[in-house]
Amino acid sequence: MTQSRLMSLVESVANVIVGYGVAVVTQILIFPVFGLHTTLAQNLKIGAVFTVVSIARSYVLRRLFESFR
């Protein structure tokens, strides 16, 4: 059974939504350890950029592996 392109995207987005929350919390906890002091708004924006990159990465990798099948 193969996964459709739409379902590949849906899975990737669901995965990244959960990852977004984890990333923002991690940034809030870890950035100060490295001397980086950001506001919540900045953390949310940084997380959003990485979220878009993660969605694209997950989708491309899923389609690549699906083509090998």
PDB file of N, CA and C in Angstrom:
ATOM      1  N   MET A   1       0.838  -1.180   0.000  1.00  0.00           N
ATOM      2  CA  MET A   1       0.000   0.000   0.000  1.00  0.00           C
ATOM      3  C   MET A   1       0.882   1.241   0.000  1.00  0.00           C
ATOM      4  N   THR A   2       0.588   2.183  -0.874  1.00  0.00           N
ATOM      5  CA  THR A   2       1.385   3.402  -0.952  1.00  0.00           C
ATOM      6  C   THR A   2       0.625   4.560  -0.315  1.00  0.00           C
ATOM      7  N   GLN A   3       1.391   5.553   0.055  1.00  0.00           N
ATOM      8  CA  GLN A   3       0.803   6.731   0.670  1.00  0.00           C
ATOM      9  C   GLN A   3       0.666   7.810  -0.400  1.00  0.00           C
ATOM     10  N   SER A   4      -0.490   8.463  -0.434  1.00  0.00           N
ATOM     11  CA  SER A   4      -0.700   9.523  -1.416  1.00  0.00           C
ATOM     12  C   SER A   4       0.142  10.743  -1.045  1.00  0.00           C
ATOM     13  N   ARG A   5       0.327  11.606  -2.004  1.00  0.00           N
ATOM     14  CA  ARG A   5       1.095  12.832  -1.753  1.00  0.00           C
ATOM     15  C   ARG A   5       0.410  13.691  -0.701  1.00  0.00           C
ATOM     16  N   LEU A   6      -0.905  13.756  -0.767  1.00  0.00           N
ATOM     17  CA  LEU A   6      -1.642  14.557   0.212  1.00  0.00           C
ATOM     18  C   LEU A   6      -1.447  14.010   1.622  1.00  0.00           C
ATOM     19  N   MET A   7      -1.548  12.690   1.758  1.00  0.00           N
ATOM     20  CA  MET A   7      -1.373  12.104   3.086  1.00  0.00           C
ATOM     21  C   MET A   7       0.069  12.238   3.566  1.00  0.00           C
ATOM     22  N   SER A   8       1.032  12.248   2.655  1.00  0.00           N
ATOM     23  CA  SER A   8       2.416  12.513   3.031  1.00  0.00           C
ATOM     24  C   SER A   8       2.531  13.912   3.632  1.00  0.00           C
ATOM     25  N   LEU A   9       1.873  14.854   3.002  1.00  0.00           N
ATOM     26  CA  LEU A   9       1.907  16.227   3.503  1.00  0.00           C
ATOM     27  C   LEU A   9       1.201  16.339   4.848  1.00  0.00           C
ATOM     28  N   VAL A  10       0.037  15.706   4.982  1.00  0.00           N
ATOM     29  CA  VAL A  10      -0.713  15.744   6.241  1.00  0.00           C
ATOM     30  C   VAL A  10       0.118  15.155   7.378  1.00  0.00           C
ATOM     31  N   GLU A  11       0.767  14.022   7.128  1.00  0.00           N
ATOM     32  CA  GLU A  11       1.609  13.401   8.155  1.00  0.00           C
ATOM     33  C   GLU A  11       2.771  14.318   8.538  1.00  0.00           C
ATOM     34  N   SER A  12       3.403  14.911   7.547  1.00  0.00           N
ATOM     35  CA  SER A  12       4.523  15.806   7.811  1.00  0.00           C
ATOM     36  C   SER A  12       4.096  17.017   8.625  1.00  0.00           C
ATOM     37  N   VAL A  13       2.964  17.589   8.273  1.00  0.00           N
ATOM     38  CA  VAL A  13       2.473  18.769   9.001  1.00  0.00           C
ATOM     39  C   VAL A  13       2.131  18.412  10.447  1.00  0.00           C
ATOM     40  N   ALA A  14       1.468  17.291  10.657  1.00  0.00           N
ATOM     41  CA  ALA A  14       1.123  16.861  12.021  1.00  0.00           C
ATOM     42  C   ALA A  14       2.386  16.649  12.851  1.00  0.00           C
ATOM     43  N   ASN A  15       3.372  16.018  12.258  1.00  0.00           N
ATOM     44  CA  ASN A  15       4.635  15.779  12.940  1.00  0.00           C
ATOM     45  C   ASN A  15       5.315  17.089  13.310  1.00  0.00           C
ATOM     46  N   VAL A  16       5.302  18.046  12.406  1.00  0.00           N
ATOM     47  CA  VAL A  16       5.994  19.299  12.632  1.00  0.00           C
ATOM     48  C   VAL A  16       5.236  20.193  13.626  1.00  0.00           C
ATOM     49  N   ILE A  17       3.917  20.106  13.658  1.00  0.00           N
ATOM     50  CA  ILE A  17       3.157  20.893  14.642  1.00  0.00           C
ATOM     51  C   ILE A  17       3.570  20.504  16.056  1.00  0.00           C
ATOM     52  N   VAL A  18       3.674  19.219  16.297  1.00  0.00           N
ATOM     53  CA  VAL A  18       4.133  18.747  17.606  1.00  0.00           C
ATOM     54  C   VAL A  18       5.573  19.202  17.828  1.00  0.00           C
ATOM     55  N   GLY A  19       6.400  19.076  16.804  1.00  0.00           N
ATOM     56  CA  GLY A  19       7.796  19.497  16.901  1.00  0.00           C
ATOM     57  C   GLY A  19       7.940  20.987  17.159  1.00  0.00           C
ATOM     58  N   TYR A  20       7.026  21.793  16.623  1.00  0.00           N
ATOM     59  CA  TYR A  20       7.065  23.240  16.831  1.00  0.00           C
ATOM     60  C   TYR A  20       6.954  23.569  18.320  1.00  0.00           C
ATOM     61  N   GLY A  21       5.998  22.957  18.982  1.00  0.00           N
ATOM     62  CA  GLY A  21       5.840  23.209  20.423  1.00  0.00           C
ATOM     63  C   GLY A  21       7.068  22.794  21.207  1.00  0.00           C
ATOM     64  N   VAL A  22       7.608  21.637  20.865  1.00  0.00           N
ATOM     65  CA  VAL A  22       8.818  21.155  21.540  1.00  0.00           C
ATOM     66  C   VAL A  22       9.979  22.104  21.269  1.00  0.00           C
ATOM     67  N   ALA A  23      10.112  22.564  20.033  1.00  0.00           N
ATOM     68  CA  ALA A  23      11.216  23.456  19.664  1.00  0.00           C
ATOM     69  C   ALA A  23      11.155  24.777  20.426  1.00  0.00           C
ATOM     70  N   VAL A  24       9.973  25.374  20.498  1.00  0.00           N
ATOM     71  CA  VAL A  24       9.839  26.667  21.180  1.00  0.00           C
ATOM     72  C   VAL A  24      10.173  26.532  22.663  1.00  0.00           C
ATOM     73  N   VAL A  25       9.661  25.497  23.288  1.00  0.00           N
ATOM     74  CA  VAL A  25       9.974  25.278  24.708  1.00  0.00           C
ATOM     75  C   VAL A  25      11.472  25.037  24.895  1.00  0.00           C
ATOM     76  N   THR A  26      12.054  24.259  23.993  1.00  0.00           N
ATOM     77  CA  THR A  26      13.494  23.992  24.079  1.00  0.00           C
ATOM     78  C   THR A  26      14.290  25.277  23.914  1.00  0.00           C
ATOM     79  N   GLN A  27      13.908  26.116  22.956  1.00  0.00           N
ATOM     80  CA  GLN A  27      14.594  27.395  22.758  1.00  0.00           C
ATOM     81  C   GLN A  27      14.517  28.248  24.018  1.00  0.00           C
ATOM     82  N   ILE A  28      13.350  28.316  24.620  1.00  0.00           N
ATOM     83  CA  ILE A  28      13.167  29.134  25.826  1.00  0.00           C
ATOM     84  C   ILE A  28      14.085  28.644  26.941  1.00  0.00           C
ATOM     85  N   LEU A  29      14.259  27.331  27.040  1.00  0.00           N
ATOM     86  CA  LEU A  29      15.091  26.764  28.102  1.00  0.00           C
ATOM     87  C   LEU A  29      16.580  26.791  27.785  1.00  0.00           C
ATOM     88  N   ILE A  30      16.939  26.582  26.520  1.00  0.00           N
ATOM     89  CA  ILE A  30      18.344  26.405  26.162  1.00  0.00           C
ATOM     90  C   ILE A  30      19.041  27.689  25.728  1.00  0.00           C
ATOM     91  N   PHE A  31      18.380  28.578  25.024  1.00  0.00           N
ATOM     92  CA  PHE A  31      19.030  29.791  24.539  1.00  0.00           C
ATOM     93  C   PHE A  31      19.767  30.548  25.648  1.00  0.00           C
ATOM     94  N   PRO A  32      19.150  30.761  26.815  1.00  0.00           N
ATOM     95  CA  PRO A  32      19.866  31.495  27.871  1.00  0.00           C
ATOM     96  C   PRO A  32      21.156  30.808  28.331  1.00  0.00           C
ATOM     97  N   VAL A  33      21.209  29.491  28.242  1.00  0.00           N
ATOM     98  CA  VAL A  33      22.427  28.767  28.619  1.00  0.00           C
ATOM     99  C   VAL A  33      23.589  29.205  27.735  1.00  0.00           C
ATOM    100  N   PHE A  34      23.293  29.568  26.488  1.00  0.00           N
ATOM    101  CA  PHE A  34      24.316  30.000  25.543  1.00  0.00           C
ATOM    102  C   PHE A  34      24.411  31.524  25.443  1.00  0.00           C
ATOM    103  N   GLY A  35      23.790  32.223  26.373  1.00  0.00           N
ATOM    104  CA  GLY A  35      23.863  33.680  26.395  1.00  0.00           C
ATOM    105  C   GLY A  35      22.960  34.355  25.381  1.00  0.00           C
ATOM    106  N   LEU A  36      22.003  33.636  24.835  1.00  0.00           N
ATOM    107  CA  LEU A  36      21.055  34.214  23.885  1.00  0.00           C
ATOM    108  C   LEU A  36      19.761  34.531  24.617  1.00  0.00           C
ATOM    109  N   HIS A  37      19.401  35.784  24.625  1.00  0.00           N
ATOM    110  CA  HIS A  37      18.201  36.209  25.342  1.00  0.00           C
ATOM    111  C   HIS A  37      17.194  36.739  24.326  1.00  0.00           C
ATOM    112  N   THR A  38      16.116  36.003  24.155  1.00  0.00           N
ATOM    113  CA  THR A  38      15.096  36.352  23.172  1.00  0.00           C
ATOM    114  C   THR A  38      13.741  36.480  23.856  1.00  0.00           C
ATOM    115  N   THR A  39      12.875  37.244  23.212  1.00  0.00           N
ATOM    116  CA  THR A  39      11.506  37.378  23.713  1.00  0.00           C
ATOM    117  C   THR A  39      10.689  36.179  23.245  1.00  0.00           C
ATOM    118  N   LEU A  40       9.519  36.028  23.826  1.00  0.00           N
ATOM    119  CA  LEU A  40       8.626  34.949  23.397  1.00  0.00           C
ATOM    120  C   LEU A  40       8.281  35.119  21.922  1.00  0.00           C
ATOM    121  N   ALA A  41       8.009  36.354  21.498  1.00  0.00           N
ATOM    122  CA  ALA A  41       7.672  36.613  20.092  1.00  0.00           C
ATOM    123  C   ALA A  41       8.816  36.190  19.173  1.00  0.00           C
ATOM    124  N   GLN A  42      10.048  36.476  19.564  1.00  0.00           N
ATOM    125  CA  GLN A  42      11.197  36.068  18.754  1.00  0.00           C
ATOM    126  C   GLN A  42      11.318  34.547  18.706  1.00  0.00           C
ATOM    127  N   ASN A  43      11.099  33.889  19.835  1.00  0.00           N
ATOM    128  CA  ASN A  43      11.145  32.433  19.860  1.00  0.00           C
ATOM    129  C   ASN A  43      10.078  31.829  18.956  1.00  0.00           C
ATOM    130  N   LEU A  44       8.887  32.416  18.963  1.00  0.00           N
ATOM    131  CA  LEU A  44       7.815  31.923  18.108  1.00  0.00           C
ATOM    132  C   LEU A  44       8.158  32.101  16.629  1.00  0.00           C
ATOM    133  N   LYS A  45       8.774  33.238  16.287  1.00  0.00           N
ATOM    134  CA  LYS A  45       9.169  33.494  14.895  1.00  0.00           C
ATOM    135  C   LYS A  45      10.291  32.553  14.460  1.00  0.00           C
ATOM    136  N   ILE A  46      11.285  32.364  15.311  1.00  0.00           N
ATOM    137  CA  ILE A  46      12.375  31.435  14.995  1.00  0.00           C
ATOM    138  C   ILE A  46      11.803  30.035  14.796  1.00  0.00           C
ATOM    139  N   GLY A  47      10.928  29.628  15.698  1.00  0.00           N
ATOM    140  CA  GLY A  47      10.295  28.319  15.577  1.00  0.00           C
ATOM    141  C   GLY A  47       9.501  28.190  14.292  1.00  0.00           C
ATOM    142  N   ALA A  48       8.836  29.268  13.877  1.00  0.00           N
ATOM    143  CA  ALA A  48       8.046  29.243  12.640  1.00  0.00           C
ATOM    144  C   ALA A  48       8.938  29.025  11.418  1.00  0.00           C
ATOM    145  N   VAL A  49      10.087  29.677  11.387  1.00  0.00           N
ATOM    146  CA  VAL A  49      11.013  29.504  10.265  1.00  0.00           C
ATOM    147  C   VAL A  49      11.457  28.046  10.183  1.00  0.00           C
ATOM    148  N   PHE A  50      11.871  27.486  11.311  1.00  0.00           N
ATOM    149  CA  PHE A  50      12.311  26.099  11.309  1.00  0.00           C
ATOM    150  C   PHE A  50      11.157  25.143  11.009  1.00  0.00           C
ATOM    151  N   THR A  51       9.955  25.518  11.357  1.00  0.00           N
ATOM    152  CA  THR A  51       8.789  24.686  11.062  1.00  0.00           C
ATOM    153  C   THR A  51       8.566  24.585   9.557  1.00  0.00           C
ATOM    154  N   VAL A  52       8.643  25.696   8.868  1.00  0.00           N
ATOM    155  CA  VAL A  52       8.477  25.684   7.409  1.00  0.00           C
ATOM    156  C   VAL A  52       9.557  24.818   6.763  1.00  0.00           C
ATOM    157  N   VAL A  53      10.786  24.964   7.221  1.00  0.00           N
ATOM    158  CA  VAL A  53      11.885  24.151   6.694  1.00  0.00           C
ATOM    159  C   VAL A  53      11.631  22.667   6.985  1.00  0.00           C
ATOM    160  N   SER A  54      11.148  22.356   8.181  1.00  0.00           N
ATOM    161  CA  SER A  54      10.883  20.963   8.556  1.00  0.00           C
ATOM    162  C   SER A  54       9.777  20.340   7.713  1.00  0.00           C
ATOM    163  N   ILE A  55       8.739  21.100   7.437  1.00  0.00           N
ATOM    164  CA  ILE A  55       7.649  20.586   6.605  1.00  0.00           C
ATOM    165  C   ILE A  55       8.181  20.242   5.215  1.00  0.00           C
ATOM    166  N   ALA A  56       8.932  21.142   4.644  1.00  0.00           N
ATOM    167  CA  ALA A  56       9.486  20.898   3.308  1.00  0.00           C
ATOM    168  C   ALA A  56      10.423  19.695   3.328  1.00  0.00           C
ATOM    169  N   ARG A  57      11.296  19.621   4.320  1.00  0.00           N
ATOM    170  CA  ARG A  57      12.244  18.509   4.428  1.00  0.00           C
ATOM    171  C   ARG A  57      11.511  17.176   4.571  1.00  0.00           C
ATOM    172  N   SER A  58      10.538  17.122   5.458  1.00  0.00           N
ATOM    173  CA  SER A  58       9.795  15.889   5.680  1.00  0.00           C
ATOM    174  C   SER A  58       9.047  15.444   4.429  1.00  0.00           C
ATOM    175  N   TYR A  59       8.443  16.381   3.753  1.00  0.00           N
ATOM    176  CA  TYR A  59       7.682  16.061   2.543  1.00  0.00           C
ATOM    177  C   TYR A  59       8.601  15.522   1.449  1.00  0.00           C
ATOM    178  N   VAL A  60       9.707  16.214   1.212  1.00  0.00           N
ATOM    179  CA  VAL A  60      10.643  15.790   0.168  1.00  0.00           C
ATOM    180  C   VAL A  60      11.217  14.407   0.482  1.00  0.00           C
ATOM    181  N   LEU A  61      11.625  14.183   1.716  1.00  0.00           N
ATOM    182  CA  LEU A  61      12.166  12.874   2.085  1.00  0.00           C
ATOM    183  C   LEU A  61      11.118  11.772   1.938  1.00  0.00           C
ATOM    184  N   ARG A  62       9.893  12.044   2.350  1.00  0.00           N
ATOM    185  CA  ARG A  62       8.829  11.051   2.232  1.00  0.00           C
ATOM    186  C   ARG A  62       8.603  10.692   0.776  1.00  0.00           C
ATOM    187  N   ARG A  63       8.546  11.689  -0.100  1.00  0.00           N
ATOM    188  CA  ARG A  63       8.321  11.433  -1.516  1.00  0.00           C
ATOM    189  C   ARG A  63       9.509  10.690  -2.127  1.00  0.00           C
ATOM    190  N   LEU A  64      10.713  11.003  -1.687  1.00  0.00           N
ATOM    191  CA  LEU A  64      11.905  10.317  -2.176  1.00  0.00           C
ATOM    192  C   LEU A  64      11.857   8.841  -1.807  1.00  0.00           C
ATOM    193  N   PHE A  65      11.574   8.558  -0.559  1.00  0.00           N
ATOM    194  CA  PHE A  65      11.480   7.165  -0.128  1.00  0.00           C
ATOM    195  C   PHE A  65      10.317   6.441  -0.799  1.00  0.00           C
ATOM    196  N   GLU A  66       9.235   7.146  -1.020  1.00  0.00           N
ATOM    197  CA  GLU A  66       8.082   6.544  -1.697  1.00  0.00           C
ATOM    198  C   GLU A  66       8.448   6.182  -3.146  1.00  0.00           C
ATOM    199  N   SER A  67       9.292   6.981  -3.780  1.00  0.00           N
ATOM    200  CA  SER A  67       9.689   6.684  -5.162  1.00  0.00           C
ATOM    201  C   SER A  67      10.591   5.458  -5.236  1.00  0.00           C
ATOM    202  N   PHE A  68      11.319   5.167  -4.164  1.00  0.00           N
ATOM    203  CA  PHE A  68      12.170   3.981  -4.125  1.00  0.00           C
ATOM    204  C   PHE A  68      11.362   2.694  -3.956  1.00  0.00           C
ATOM    205  N   ARG A  69      10.185   2.842  -3.399  1.00  0.00           N
ATOM    206  CA  ARG A  69       9.329   1.689  -3.130  1.00  0.00           C
ATOM    207  C   ARG A  69       8.834   1.116  -4.377  1.00  0.00           C
TER     208      ARG A  69
END
